[in-house]
PDB file of N, CA and C in Angstrom:
ATOM      1  N   MET A   1     -23.010 -87.262  69.218  1.00  0.00           N
ATOM      2  CA  MET A   1     -22.396 -87.048  70.214  1.00  0.00           C
ATOM      3  C   MET A   1     -23.256 -86.967  71.499  1.00  0.00           C
ATOM      4  N   ILE A   2     -24.715 -87.099  71.350  1.00  0.00           N
ATOM      5  CA  ILE A   2     -25.819 -87.335  72.567  1.00  0.00           C
ATOM      6  C   ILE A   2     -25.721 -88.611  73.314  1.00  0.00           C
ATOM      7  N   HIS A   3     -25.528 -89.540  72.390  1.00  0.00           N
ATOM      8  CA  HIS A   3     -25.778 -90.847  71.909  1.00  0.00           C
ATOM      9  C   HIS A   3     -24.562 -91.220  72.975  1.00  0.00           C
ATOM     10  N   LYS A   4     -22.814 -90.447  72.852  1.00  0.00           N
ATOM     11  CA  LYS A   4     -21.685 -90.874  73.446  1.00  0.00           C
ATOM     12  C   LYS A   4     -21.970 -90.302  75.019  1.00  0.00           C
ATOM     13  N   ALA A   5     -22.314 -89.296  75.179  1.00  0.00           N
ATOM     14  CA  ALA A   5     -22.448 -89.047  76.144  1.00  0.00           C
ATOM     15  C   ALA A   5     -23.823 -89.558  77.351  1.00  0.00           C
ATOM     16  N   THR A   6     -25.093 -89.782  76.529  1.00  0.00           N
ATOM     17  CA  THR A   6     -25.780 -91.056  77.047  1.00  0.00           C
ATOM     18  C   THR A   6     -24.878 -92.201  77.716  1.00  0.00           C
ATOM     19  N   THR A   7     -24.274 -92.823  77.121  1.00  0.00           N
ATOM     20  CA  THR A   7     -23.283 -94.006  77.350  1.00  0.00           C
ATOM     21  C   THR A   7     -22.378 -93.446  78.760  1.00  0.00           C
ATOM     22  N   LYS A   8     -21.842 -92.331  78.369  1.00  0.00           N
ATOM     23  CA  LYS A   8     -20.612 -91.619  79.279  1.00  0.00           C
ATOM     24  C   LYS A   8     -21.864 -91.677  81.041  1.00  0.00           C
ATOM     25  N   ALA A   9     -22.755 -91.155  80.954  1.00  0.00           N
ATOM     26  CA  ALA A   9     -23.576 -90.460  81.789  1.00  0.00           C
ATOM     27  C   ALA A   9     -23.668 -92.086  82.636  1.00  0.00           C
ATOM     28  N   ALA A  10     -24.403 -93.447  82.210  1.00  0.00           N
ATOM     29  CA  ALA A  10     -24.152 -94.656  82.317  1.00  0.00           C
ATOM     30  C   ALA A  10     -23.371 -95.214  83.037  1.00  0.00           C
ATOM     31  N   ALA A  11     -21.848 -94.828  82.509  1.00  0.00           N
ATOM     32  CA  ALA A  11     -20.979 -95.409  82.807  1.00  0.00           C
ATOM     33  C   ALA A  11     -20.393 -94.567  84.378  1.00  0.00           C
ATOM     34  N   MET A  12     -20.613 -93.614  84.122  1.00  0.00           N
ATOM     35  CA  MET A  12     -20.656 -92.654  85.478  1.00  0.00           C
ATOM     36  C   MET A  12     -21.337 -92.990  86.692  1.00  0.00           C
ATOM     37  N   GLN A  13     -22.695 -93.281  86.290  1.00  0.00           N
ATOM     38  CA  GLN A  13     -23.651 -93.856  87.509  1.00  0.00           C
ATOM     39  C   GLN A  13     -22.973 -94.898  88.033  1.00  0.00           C
ATOM     40  N   GLN A  14     -22.600 -96.145  86.722  1.00  0.00           N
ATOM     41  CA  GLN A  14     -22.240 -97.285  87.634  1.00  0.00           C
ATOM     42  C   GLN A  14     -21.268 -97.516  88.249  1.00  0.00           C
ATOM     43  N   ILE A  15     -19.829 -96.452  87.953  1.00  0.00           N
ATOM     44  CA  ILE A  15     -18.663 -96.092  88.428  1.00  0.00           C
ATOM     45  C   ILE A  15     -19.317 -95.755  90.012  1.00  0.00           C
ATOM     46  N   ASP A  16     -19.757 -94.759  90.093  1.00  0.00           N
ATOM     47  CA  ASP A  16     -20.470 -94.065  91.145  1.00  0.00           C
ATOM     48  C   ASP A  16     -20.931 -95.407  92.270  1.00  0.00           C
ATOM     49  N   THR A  17     -21.662 -95.925  91.952  1.00  0.00           N
ATOM     50  CA  THR A  17     -22.543 -97.447  92.436  1.00  0.00           C
ATOM     51  C   THR A  17     -21.411 -98.587  92.951  1.00  0.00           C
ATOM     52  N   ASN A  18     -20.409 -98.730  92.448  1.00  0.00           N
ATOM     53  CA  ASN A  18     -19.167 -99.362  92.733  1.00  0.00           C
ATOM     54  C   ASN A  18     -18.620 -98.625  93.386  1.00  0.00           C
ATOM     55  N   HIS A  19     -18.113 -97.586  93.538  1.00  0.00           N
ATOM     56  CA  HIS A  19     -17.411 -96.853  95.019  1.00  0.00           C
ATOM     57  C   HIS A  19     -18.177 -96.525  95.751  1.00  0.00           C
ATOM     58  N   ASP A  20     -19.356 -96.466  95.718  1.00  0.00           N
ATOM     59  CA  ASP A  20     -20.010 -95.972  96.849  1.00  0.00           C
ATOM     60  C   ASP A  20     -20.507 -94.458  97.206  1.00  0.00           C
ATOM     61  N   ILE A  21     -19.814 -94.097  95.939  1.00  0.00           N
ATOM     62  CA  ILE A  21     -19.622 -92.321  96.249  1.00  0.00           C
ATOM     63  C   ILE A  21     -19.589 -91.821  95.178  1.00  0.00           C
ATOM     64  N   THR A  22     -20.037 -90.271  95.149  1.00  0.00           N
ATOM     65  CA  THR A  22     -20.458 -89.684  93.788  1.00  0.00           C
ATOM     66  C   THR A  22     -19.261 -89.063  93.549  1.00  0.00           C
ATOM     67  N   ILE A  23     -18.822 -89.541  92.243  1.00  0.00           N
ATOM     68  CA  ILE A  23     -17.259 -88.500  92.000  1.00  0.00           C
ATOM     69  C   ILE A  23     -17.350 -87.319  91.030  1.00  0.00           C
ATOM     70  N   ASP A  24     -16.717 -86.389  91.463  1.00  0.00           N
ATOM     71  CA  ASP A  24     -16.764 -85.022  90.612  1.00  0.00           C
ATOM     72  C   ASP A  24     -15.896 -84.916  89.409  1.00  0.00           C
ATOM     73  N   TYR A  25     -16.019 -85.119  88.341  1.00  0.00           N
ATOM     74  CA  TYR A  25     -15.322 -85.274  87.341  1.00  0.00           C
ATOM     75  C   TYR A  25     -14.774 -83.586  86.960  1.00  0.00           C
ATOM     76  N   GLY A  26     -15.242 -83.052  87.211  1.00  0.00           N
ATOM     77  CA  GLY A  26     -15.174 -81.185  87.051  1.00  0.00           C
ATOM     78  C   GLY A  26     -13.742 -80.841  87.635  1.00  0.00           C
ATOM     79  N   GLY A  27     -13.753 -80.479  89.275  1.00  0.00           N
ATOM     80  CA  GLY A  27     -12.537 -79.566  89.519  1.00  0.00           C
ATOM     81  C   GLY A  27     -12.961 -78.037  89.359  1.00  0.00           C
ATOM     82  N   PRO A  28     -12.131 -77.415  90.026  1.00  0.00           N
ATOM     83  CA  PRO A  28     -12.014 -75.813  90.148  1.00  0.00           C
ATOM     84  C   PRO A  28     -12.454 -75.098  89.090  1.00  0.00           C
ATOM     85  N   VAL A  29     -12.189 -75.312  88.175  1.00  0.00           N
ATOM     86  CA  VAL A  29     -12.144 -74.291  86.890  1.00  0.00           C
ATOM     87  C   VAL A  29     -13.641 -74.688  86.071  1.00  0.00           C
ATOM     88  N   ARG A  30     -13.946 -76.207  85.912  1.00  0.00           N
ATOM     89  CA  ARG A  30     -15.146 -76.644  85.468  1.00  0.00           C
ATOM     90  C   ARG A  30     -16.139 -76.473  86.378  1.00  0.00           C
ATOM     91  N   GLY A  31     -16.222 -76.711  87.239  1.00  0.00           N
ATOM     92  CA  GLY A  31     -17.195 -77.377  88.441  1.00  0.00           C
ATOM     93  C   GLY A  31     -17.618 -78.343  88.706  1.00  0.00           C
ATOM     94  N   GLU A  32     -18.964 -78.325  89.233  1.00  0.00           N
ATOM     95  CA  GLU A  32     -19.099 -79.914  89.310  1.00  0.00           C
ATOM     96  C   GLU A  32     -19.767 -80.443  88.002  1.00  0.00           C
ATOM     97  N   LEU A  33     -19.138 -81.364  88.167  1.00  0.00           N
ATOM     98  CA  LEU A  33     -19.320 -83.093  86.817  1.00  0.00           C
ATOM     99  C   LEU A  33     -19.452 -84.192  87.684  1.00  0.00           C
ATOM    100  N   THR A  34     -20.407 -84.167  87.719  1.00  0.00           N
ATOM    101  CA  THR A  34     -20.746 -85.747  88.017  1.00  0.00           C
ATOM    102  C   THR A  34     -22.191 -86.128  87.191  1.00  0.00           C
ATOM    103  N   ALA A  35     -22.230 -87.813  87.426  1.00  0.00           N
ATOM    104  CA  ALA A  35     -23.309 -88.336  86.688  1.00  0.00           C
ATOM    105  C   ALA A  35     -24.513 -87.556  86.913  1.00  0.00           C
ATOM    106  N   VAL A  36     -24.892 -87.015  88.110  1.00  0.00           N
ATOM    107  CA  VAL A  36     -26.099 -86.529  88.084  1.00  0.00           C
ATOM    108  C   VAL A  36     -26.187 -85.256  87.111  1.00  0.00           C
ATOM    109  N   THR A  37     -24.943 -84.441  87.334  1.00  0.00           N
ATOM    110  CA  THR A  37     -25.236 -83.027  86.623  1.00  0.00           C
ATOM    111  C   THR A  37     -24.924 -83.208  84.694  1.00  0.00           C
ATOM    112  N   LEU A  38     -24.513 -84.248  84.653  1.00  0.00           N
ATOM    113  CA  LEU A  38     -24.586 -84.638  83.267  1.00  0.00           C
ATOM    114  C   LEU A  38     -25.804 -85.277  82.951  1.00  0.00           C
ATOM    115  N   GLN A  39     -26.293 -86.311  83.537  1.00  0.00           N
ATOM    116  CA  GLN A  39     -27.530 -86.639  83.463  1.00  0.00           C
ATOM    117  C   GLN A  39     -28.990 -85.708  83.405  1.00  0.00           C
ATOM    118  N   ALA A  40     -28.620 -84.657  84.212  1.00  0.00           N
ATOM    119  CA  ALA A  40     -29.383 -83.211  84.000  1.00  0.00           C
ATOM    120  C   ALA A  40     -29.520 -82.494  82.768  1.00  0.00           C
ATOM    121  N   ARG A  41     -28.098 -82.651  82.191  1.00  0.00           N
ATOM    122  CA  ARG A  41     -28.141 -81.839  80.732  1.00  0.00           C
ATOM    123  C   ARG A  41     -28.545 -82.605  80.098  1.00  0.00           C
ATOM    124  N   LEU A  42     -28.448 -83.971  79.908  1.00  0.00           N
ATOM    125  CA  LEU A  42     -29.171 -84.722  78.639  1.00  0.00           C
ATOM    126  C   LEU A  42     -30.625 -85.063  79.038  1.00  0.00           C
ATOM    127  N   THR A  43     -31.109 -84.369  80.309  1.00  0.00           N
ATOM    128  CA  THR A  43     -32.689 -84.198  80.110  1.00  0.00           C
ATOM    129  C   THR A  43     -32.766 -83.235  79.733  1.00  0.00           C
ATOM    130  N   GLY A  44     -32.076 -81.905  80.078  1.00  0.00           N
ATOM    131  CA  GLY A  44     -32.613 -80.738  79.742  1.00  0.00           C
ATOM    132  C   GLY A  44     -32.825 -80.974  77.819  1.00  0.00           C
ATOM    133  N   TYR A  45     -31.296 -81.340  77.430  1.00  0.00           N
ATOM    134  CA  TYR A  45     -31.322 -81.373  76.236  1.00  0.00           C
ATOM    135  C   TYR A  45     -32.410 -82.166  74.928  1.00  0.00           C
ATOM    136  N   ALA A  46     -32.868 -83.468  75.908  1.00  0.00           N
ATOM    137  CA  ALA A  46     -33.972 -84.031  75.424  1.00  0.00           C
ATOM    138  C   ALA A  46     -35.629 -83.217  75.199  1.00  0.00           C
ATOM    139  N   SER A  47     -35.338 -82.408  76.335  1.00  0.00           N
ATOM    140  CA  SER A  47     -36.837 -81.462  76.721  1.00  0.00           C
ATOM    141  C   SER A  47     -36.766 -80.452  75.155  1.00  0.00           C
ATOM    142  N   LYS A  48     -35.445 -79.548  75.008  1.00  0.00           N
ATOM    143  CA  LYS A  48     -35.371 -78.813  73.646  1.00  0.00           C
ATOM    144  C   LYS A  48     -35.648 -79.387  72.990  1.00  0.00           C
ATOM    145  N   LEU A  49     -34.899 -80.720  72.245  1.00  0.00           N
ATOM    146  CA  LEU A  49     -34.629 -81.234  71.475  1.00  0.00           C
ATOM    147  C   LEU A  49     -36.648 -81.764  71.212  1.00  0.00           C
ATOM    148  N   GLN A  50     -37.311 -82.293  71.923  1.00  0.00           N
ATOM    149  CA  GLN A  50     -38.730 -82.190  71.505  1.00  0.00           C
ATOM    150  C   GLN A  50     -39.563 -80.827  71.518  1.00  0.00           C
ATOM    151  N   GLN A  51     -39.089 -79.967  72.096  1.00  0.00           N
ATOM    152  CA  GLN A  51     -39.608 -78.920  71.841  1.00  0.00           C
ATOM    153  C   GLN A  51     -39.426 -78.098  70.451  1.00  0.00           C
ATOM    154  N   TYR A  52     -38.043 -78.134  70.030  1.00  0.00           N
ATOM    155  CA  TYR A  52     -37.815 -78.390  68.648  1.00  0.00           C
ATOM    156  C   TYR A  52     -38.191 -78.762  67.650  1.00  0.00           C
ATOM    157  N   ASN A  53     -38.653 -80.251  67.663  1.00  0.00           N
ATOM    158  CA  ASN A  53     -39.307 -80.982  67.248  1.00  0.00           C
ATOM    159  C   ASN A  53     -40.550 -80.359  66.949  1.00  0.00           C
ATOM    160  N   GLN A  54     -41.390 -80.064  67.938  1.00  0.00           N
ATOM    161  CA  GLN A  54     -42.653 -79.492  68.026  1.00  0.00           C
ATOM    162  C   GLN A  54     -43.064 -78.509  67.300  1.00  0.00           C
ATOM    163  N   PHE A  55     -42.403 -77.623  67.094  1.00  0.00           N
ATOM    164  CA  PHE A  55     -41.848 -75.993  66.168  1.00  0.00           C
ATOM    165  C   PHE A  55     -41.855 -76.552  65.007  1.00  0.00           C
ATOM    166  N   LEU A  56     -41.072 -77.331  64.560  1.00  0.00           N
ATOM    167  CA  LEU A  56     -40.793 -77.810  62.898  1.00  0.00           C
ATOM    168  C   LEU A  56     -42.079 -78.742  62.705  1.00  0.00           C
ATOM    169  N   GLN A  57     -42.837 -79.472  63.731  1.00  0.00           N
ATOM    170  CA  GLN A  57     -43.865 -79.725  62.934  1.00  0.00           C
ATOM    171  C   GLN A  57     -45.069 -78.196  62.890  1.00  0.00           C
ATOM    172  N   GLN A  58     -45.061 -77.495  63.844  1.00  0.00           N
ATOM    173  CA  GLN A  58     -45.997 -76.522  63.143  1.00  0.00           C
ATOM    174  C   GLN A  58     -45.431 -75.738  62.451  1.00  0.00           C
ATOM    175  N   ALA A  59     -44.235 -75.352  61.926  1.00  0.00           N
ATOM    176  CA  ALA A  59     -43.850 -74.676  60.929  1.00  0.00           C
ATOM    177  C   ALA A  59     -44.084 -75.777  59.688  1.00  0.00           C
ATOM    178  N   ASP A  60     -43.957 -76.711  59.761  1.00  0.00           N
ATOM    179  CA  ASP A  60     -44.707 -77.544  58.363  1.00  0.00           C
ATOM    180  C   ASP A  60     -45.979 -77.202  57.914  1.00  0.00           C
ATOM    181  N   ALA A  61     -46.774 -77.547  59.333  1.00  0.00           N
ATOM    182  CA  ALA A  61     -48.032 -77.652  59.019  1.00  0.00           C
ATOM    183  C   ALA A  61     -48.251 -76.325  58.601  1.00  0.00           C
ATOM    184  N   LEU A  62     -47.970 -75.034  58.944  1.00  0.00           N
ATOM    185  CA  LEU A  62     -47.913 -73.474  58.320  1.00  0.00           C
ATOM    186  C   LEU A  62     -47.496 -73.671  56.912  1.00  0.00           C
ATOM    187  N   SER A  63     -46.408 -74.130  56.692  1.00  0.00           N
ATOM    188  CA  SER A  63     -45.983 -73.974  55.529  1.00  0.00           C
ATOM    189  C   SER A  63     -47.208 -74.911  54.489  1.00  0.00           C
ATOM    190  N   ASN A  64     -47.727 -75.664  55.054  1.00  0.00           N
ATOM    191  CA  ASN A  64     -48.405 -76.259  54.245  1.00  0.00           C
ATOM    192  C   ASN A  64     -49.649 -75.323  53.792  1.00  0.00           C
ATOM    193  N   THR A  65     -50.176 -75.179  54.874  1.00  0.00           N
ATOM    194  CA  THR A  65     -51.535 -73.927  55.025  1.00  0.00           C
ATOM    195  C   THR A  65     -51.369 -72.638  53.797  1.00  0.00           C
ATOM    196  N   LEU A  66     -49.799 -72.313  53.929  1.00  0.00           N
ATOM    197  CA  LEU A  66     -49.356 -71.191  53.228  1.00  0.00           C
ATOM    198  C   LEU A  66     -49.438 -71.773  51.597  1.00  0.00           C
ATOM    199  N   ASP A  67     -48.925 -72.673  51.354  1.00  0.00           N
ATOM    200  CA  ASP A  67     -48.539 -73.150  49.820  1.00  0.00           C
ATOM    201  C   ASP A  67     -50.405 -73.353  49.771  1.00  0.00           C
ATOM    202  N   ASP A  68     -51.211 -74.078  50.528  1.00  0.00           N
ATOM    203  CA  ASP A  68     -52.501 -74.394  50.010  1.00  0.00           C
ATOM    204  C   ASP A  68     -53.269 -72.554  49.812  1.00  0.00           C
ATOM    205  N   MET A  69     -52.858 -71.569  50.485  1.00  0.00           N
ATOM    206  CA  MET A  69     -53.529 -70.572  50.117  1.00  0.00           C
ATOM    207  C   MET A  69     -52.811 -69.771  48.943  1.00  0.00           C
ATOM    208  N   GLU A  70     -51.506 -69.915  48.922  1.00  0.00           N
ATOM    209  CA  GLU A  70     -51.206 -69.355  47.432  1.00  0.00           C
ATOM    210  C   GLU A  70     -51.568 -69.938  45.996  1.00  0.00           C
ATOM    211  N   ARG A  71     -51.938 -71.489  46.181  1.00  0.00           N
ATOM    212  CA  ARG A  71     -52.839 -72.098  44.801  1.00  0.00           C
ATOM    213  C   ARG A  71     -53.855 -71.518  44.701  1.00  0.00           C
ATOM    214  N   ASP A  72     -54.940 -71.167  46.150  1.00  0.00           N
ATOM    215  CA  ASP A  72     -56.102 -70.414  45.944  1.00  0.00           C
ATOM    216  C   ASP A  72     -55.901 -69.148  45.589  1.00  0.00           C
ATOM    217  N   ILE A  73     -54.974 -68.228  45.633  1.00  0.00           N
ATOM    218  CA  ILE A  73     -55.130 -67.015  45.532  1.00  0.00           C
ATOM    219  C   ILE A  73     -54.680 -67.045  43.737  1.00  0.00           C
ATOM    220  N   SER A  74     -53.769 -68.161  43.575  1.00  0.00           N
ATOM    221  CA  SER A  74     -53.153 -68.516  41.921  1.00  0.00           C
ATOM    222  C   SER A  74     -54.254 -68.139  40.899  1.00  0.00           C
ATOM    223  N   SER A  75     -55.239 -69.398  41.655  1.00  0.00           N
ATOM    224  CA  SER A  75     -56.310 -69.727  40.784  1.00  0.00           C
ATOM    225  C   SER A  75     -57.273 -68.568  40.624  1.00  0.00           C
ATOM    226  N   ASP A  76     -57.713 -68.031  41.570  1.00  0.00           N
ATOM    227  CA  ASP A  76     -58.484 -66.837  41.674  1.00  0.00           C
ATOM    228  C   ASP A  76     -57.930 -65.713  40.875  1.00  0.00           C
ATOM    229  N   CYS A  77     -56.637 -65.698  40.994  1.00  0.00           N
ATOM    230  CA  CYS A  77     -55.972 -64.087  39.668  1.00  0.00           C
ATOM    231  C   CYS A  77     -56.223 -65.314  38.464  1.00  0.00           C
ATOM    232  N   THR A  78     -56.321 -66.097  38.110  1.00  0.00           N
ATOM    233  CA  THR A  78     -56.385 -66.850  36.719  1.00  0.00           C
ATOM    234  C   THR A  78     -57.785 -66.688  36.152  1.00  0.00           C
ATOM    235  N   VAL A  79     -58.897 -66.832  37.475  1.00  0.00           N
ATOM    236  CA  VAL A  79     -60.401 -66.432  36.906  1.00  0.00           C
ATOM    237  C   VAL A  79     -60.398 -65.039  36.483  1.00  0.00           C
ATOM    238  N   ILE A  80     -59.612 -64.358  37.494  1.00  0.00           N
ATOM    239  CA  ILE A  80     -59.888 -62.605  37.178  1.00  0.00           C
ATOM    240  C   ILE A  80     -59.677 -62.526  35.848  1.00  0.00           C
ATOM    241  N   LEU A  81     -58.296 -62.882  35.511  1.00  0.00           N
ATOM    242  CA  LEU A  81     -57.660 -62.856  33.982  1.00  0.00           C
ATOM    243  C   LEU A  81     -58.569 -62.950  33.248  1.00  0.00           C
ATOM    244  N   LYS A  82     -59.344 -64.072  33.306  1.00  0.00           N
ATOM    245  CA  LYS A  82     -59.962 -64.822  32.003  1.00  0.00           C
ATOM    246  C   LYS A  82     -61.355 -64.248  32.079  1.00  0.00           C
ATOM    247  N   ALA A  83     -62.328 -63.479  33.228  1.00  0.00           N
ATOM    248  CA  ALA A  83     -62.782 -62.774  32.982  1.00  0.00           C
ATOM    249  C   ALA A  83     -63.162 -61.468  32.961  1.00  0.00           C
ATOM    250  N   ALA A  84     -62.090 -60.947  32.882  1.00  0.00           N
ATOM    251  CA  ALA A  84     -61.661 -59.832  32.346  1.00  0.00           C
ATOM    252  C   ALA A  84     -62.271 -58.794  30.864  1.00  0.00           C
ATOM    253  N   PRO A  85     -61.861 -60.006  30.041  1.00  0.00           N
ATOM    254  CA  PRO A  85     -62.096 -59.770  28.442  1.00  0.00           C
ATOM    255  C   PRO A  85     -63.539 -60.059  28.318  1.00  0.00           C
ATOM    256  N   GLY A  86     -64.642 -60.525  29.164  1.00  0.00           N
ATOM    257  CA  GLY A  86     -66.104 -60.485  28.774  1.00  0.00           C
ATOM    258  C   GLY A  86     -66.494 -59.158  29.721  1.00  0.00           C
ATOM    259  N   LYS A  87     -65.740 -58.921  30.895  1.00  0.00           N
ATOM    260  CA  LYS A  87     -66.416 -57.862  31.350  1.00  0.00           C
ATOM    261  C   LYS A  87     -66.378 -56.494  31.192  1.00  0.00           C
ATOM    262  N   PHE A  88     -64.975 -56.482  30.350  1.00  0.00           N
ATOM    263  CA  PHE A  88     -64.144 -54.820  29.908  1.00  0.00           C
ATOM    264  C   PHE A  88     -63.949 -55.023  28.049  1.00  0.00           C
ATOM    265  N   GLY A  89     -63.830 -55.933  27.716  1.00  0.00           N
ATOM    266  CA  GLY A  89     -63.504 -56.160  26.563  1.00  0.00           C
ATOM    267  C   GLY A  89     -62.173 -56.558  26.100  1.00  0.00           C
ATOM    268  N   ASP A  90     -62.072 -56.733  25.080  1.00  0.00           N
ATOM    269  CA  ASP A  90     -60.498 -57.484  24.443  1.00  0.00           C
ATOM    270  C   ASP A  90     -59.268 -56.491  24.621  1.00  0.00           C
ATOM    271  N   ASN A  91     -59.737 -55.300  24.359  1.00  0.00           N
ATOM    272  CA  ASN A  91     -58.865 -54.023  24.211  1.00  0.00           C
ATOM    273  C   ASN A  91     -59.154 -53.320  25.215  1.00  0.00           C
ATOM    274  N   SER A  92     -59.381 -53.862  26.442  1.00  0.00           N
ATOM    275  CA  SER A  92     -60.010 -52.382  27.398  1.00  0.00           C
ATOM    276  C   SER A  92     -58.444 -52.177  28.295  1.00  0.00           C
ATOM    277  N   ASN A  93     -58.700 -51.102  28.809  1.00  0.00           N
ATOM    278  CA  ASN A  93     -57.157 -50.905  29.896  1.00  0.00           C
ATOM    279  C   ASN A  93     -57.178 -51.334  30.798  1.00  0.00           C
ATOM    280  N   GLU A  94     -59.062 -51.769  31.381  1.00  0.00           N
ATOM    281  CA  GLU A  94     -58.800 -52.927  32.761  1.00  0.00           C
ATOM    282  C   GLU A  94     -57.841 -53.897  32.490  1.00  0.00           C
ATOM    283  N   LEU A  95     -58.497 -54.556  30.985  1.00  0.00           N
ATOM    284  CA  LEU A  95     -57.217 -55.635  31.114  1.00  0.00           C
ATOM    285  C   LEU A  95     -56.143 -55.398  31.444  1.00  0.00           C
ATOM    286  N   GLU A  96     -55.607 -54.849  30.580  1.00  0.00           N
ATOM    287  CA  GLU A  96     -54.081 -54.354  30.921  1.00  0.00           C
ATOM    288  C   GLU A  96     -53.813 -54.302  32.221  1.00  0.00           C
ATOM    289  N   MET A  97     -54.607 -53.065  32.806  1.00  0.00           N
ATOM    290  CA  MET A  97     -54.363 -53.280  34.607  1.00  0.00           C
ATOM    291  C   MET A  97     -54.083 -54.371  34.979  1.00  0.00           C
ATOM    292  N   LEU A  98     -55.207 -55.422  34.639  1.00  0.00           N
ATOM    293  CA  LEU A  98     -55.288 -56.263  35.358  1.00  0.00           C
ATOM    294  C   LEU A  98     -53.893 -57.808  35.187  1.00  0.00           C
ATOM    295  N   GLY A  99     -53.403 -57.152  34.135  1.00  0.00           N
ATOM    296  CA  GLY A  99     -51.926 -58.084  33.912  1.00  0.00           C
ATOM    297  C   GLY A  99     -52.311 -58.781  32.884  1.00  0.00           C
ATOM    298  N   GLY A 100     -53.263 -58.677  31.762  1.00  0.00           N
ATOM    299  CA  GLY A 100     -53.492 -59.206  30.497  1.00  0.00           C
ATOM    300  C   GLY A 100     -52.752 -58.221  29.355  1.00  0.00           C
ATOM    301  N   THR A 101     -53.008 -58.817  28.233  1.00  0.00           N
ATOM    302  CA  THR A 101     -52.448 -58.550  26.975  1.00  0.00           C
ATOM    303  C   THR A 101     -53.814 -57.737  26.251  1.00  0.00           C
ATOM    304  N   ARG A 102     -53.764 -56.492  25.695  1.00  0.00           N
ATOM    305  CA  ARG A 102     -54.894 -56.020  24.741  1.00  0.00           C
ATOM    306  C   ARG A 102     -54.672 -56.684  23.466  1.00  0.00           C
ATOM    307  N   LYS A 103     -56.102 -57.253  22.843  1.00  0.00           N
ATOM    308  CA  LYS A 103     -55.758 -57.992  21.572  1.00  0.00           C
ATOM    309  C   LYS A 103     -55.175 -57.303  20.397  1.00  0.00           C
ATOM    310  N   GLU A 104     -55.553 -56.248  20.486  1.00  0.00           N
ATOM    311  CA  GLU A 104     -54.799 -55.405  19.294  1.00  0.00           C
ATOM    312  C   GLU A 104     -53.207 -55.213  19.695  1.00  0.00           C
ATOM    313  N   GLU A 105     -52.906 -55.400  21.092  1.00  0.00           N
ATOM    314  CA  GLU A 105     -50.887 -55.293  21.508  1.00  0.00           C
ATOM    315  C   GLU A 105     -50.456 -56.848  21.046  1.00  0.00           C
ATOM    316  N   ARG A 106     -51.457 -57.606  21.003  1.00  0.00           N
ATOM    317  CA  ARG A 106     -50.695 -58.992  21.034  1.00  0.00           C
ATOM    318  C   ARG A 106     -49.589 -59.009  19.436  1.00  0.00           C
ATOM    319  N   LYS A 107     -49.274 -59.825  19.680  1.00  0.00           N
ATOM    320  CA  LYS A 107     -47.909 -60.436  18.195  1.00  0.00           C
ATOM    321  C   LYS A 107     -48.772 -61.592  17.491  1.00  0.00           C
ATOM    322  N   LYS A 108     -48.811 -60.719  15.981  1.00  0.00           N
ATOM    323  CA  LYS A 108     -49.766 -61.918  15.152  1.00  0.00           C
ATOM    324  C   LYS A 108     -48.786 -62.841  14.775  1.00  0.00           C
ATOM    325  N   ARG A 109     -49.533 -64.092  14.951  1.00  0.00           N
ATOM    326  CA  ARG A 109     -48.757 -65.308  14.381  1.00  0.00           C
ATOM    327  C   ARG A 109     -48.446 -65.165  12.739  1.00  0.00           C
ATOM    328  N   LYS A 110     -47.115 -65.555  12.137  1.00  0.00           N
ATOM    329  CA  LYS A 110     -46.701 -65.678  10.866  1.00  0.00           C
ATOM    330  C   LYS A 110     -47.127 -67.123  10.399  1.00  0.00           C
ATOM    331  N   PRO A 111     -47.777 -67.419   9.546  1.00  0.00           N
ATOM    332  CA  PRO A 111     -47.688 -69.086   9.089  1.00  0.00           C
ATOM    333  C   PRO A 111     -46.433 -69.293   8.641  1.00  0.00           C
ATOM    334  N   LYS A 112     -46.003 -70.718   8.995  1.00  0.00           N
ATOM    335  CA  LYS A 112     -44.827 -71.201   8.730  1.00  0.00           C
ATOM    336  C   LYS A 112     -44.866 -71.746   7.163  1.00  0.00           C
ATOM    337  N   LYS A 113     -43.910 -71.318   6.393  1.00  0.00           N
ATOM    338  CA  LYS A 113     -43.864 -71.627   5.047  1.00  0.00           C
ATOM    339  C   LYS A 113     -43.297 -73.208   5.079  1.00  0.00           C
ATOM    340  N   ALA A 114     -43.868 -73.866   4.405  1.00  0.00           N
ATOM    341  CA  ALA A 114     -43.559 -75.301   3.777  1.00  0.00           C
ATOM    342  C   ALA A 114     -42.710 -75.231   3.368  1.00  0.00           C
ATOM    343  N   ALA A 115     -41.690 -76.405   3.533  1.00  0.00           N
ATOM    344  CA  ALA A 115     -40.282 -76.316   2.592  1.00  0.00           C
ATOM    345  C   ALA A 115     -40.061 -77.178   1.501  1.00  0.00           C
TER     346      ALA A 115
END
C-alpha cells in the first residue's frame, strides 16, 4: 500500500507541475489532500517505520541477552544439583529441597530377562 501511495504522490506532484496549481483531492468532508499533505504523511510513516525497526532490533538484542542469562542460570542450577550430594549426602533433605532425588527414593532398576 505504501508503494502505491508513493507512486500516487509522485503522480500528484507531476500533475500539479503540469497545471501550475496545487490540486486538492480532499474536499469539505475529507479536508485538504494534496501532493504536499500526502508526502508529509508518507514522510511521517517512514519515520515511524524506522523507529519501529529500531525497537525491534533492541528487542532482539535484549531477547538474546535474556537467552544467554537463562542458559547461565540453568548451568548454575545443574552445578548446584550435582554438588549437593557431595556437600550434604546422597540421602539428605537438602538434596531433596534443591530438587534432587534422595538415593533411597530412587527406583531400583531390574535387569531385563534374556528371551
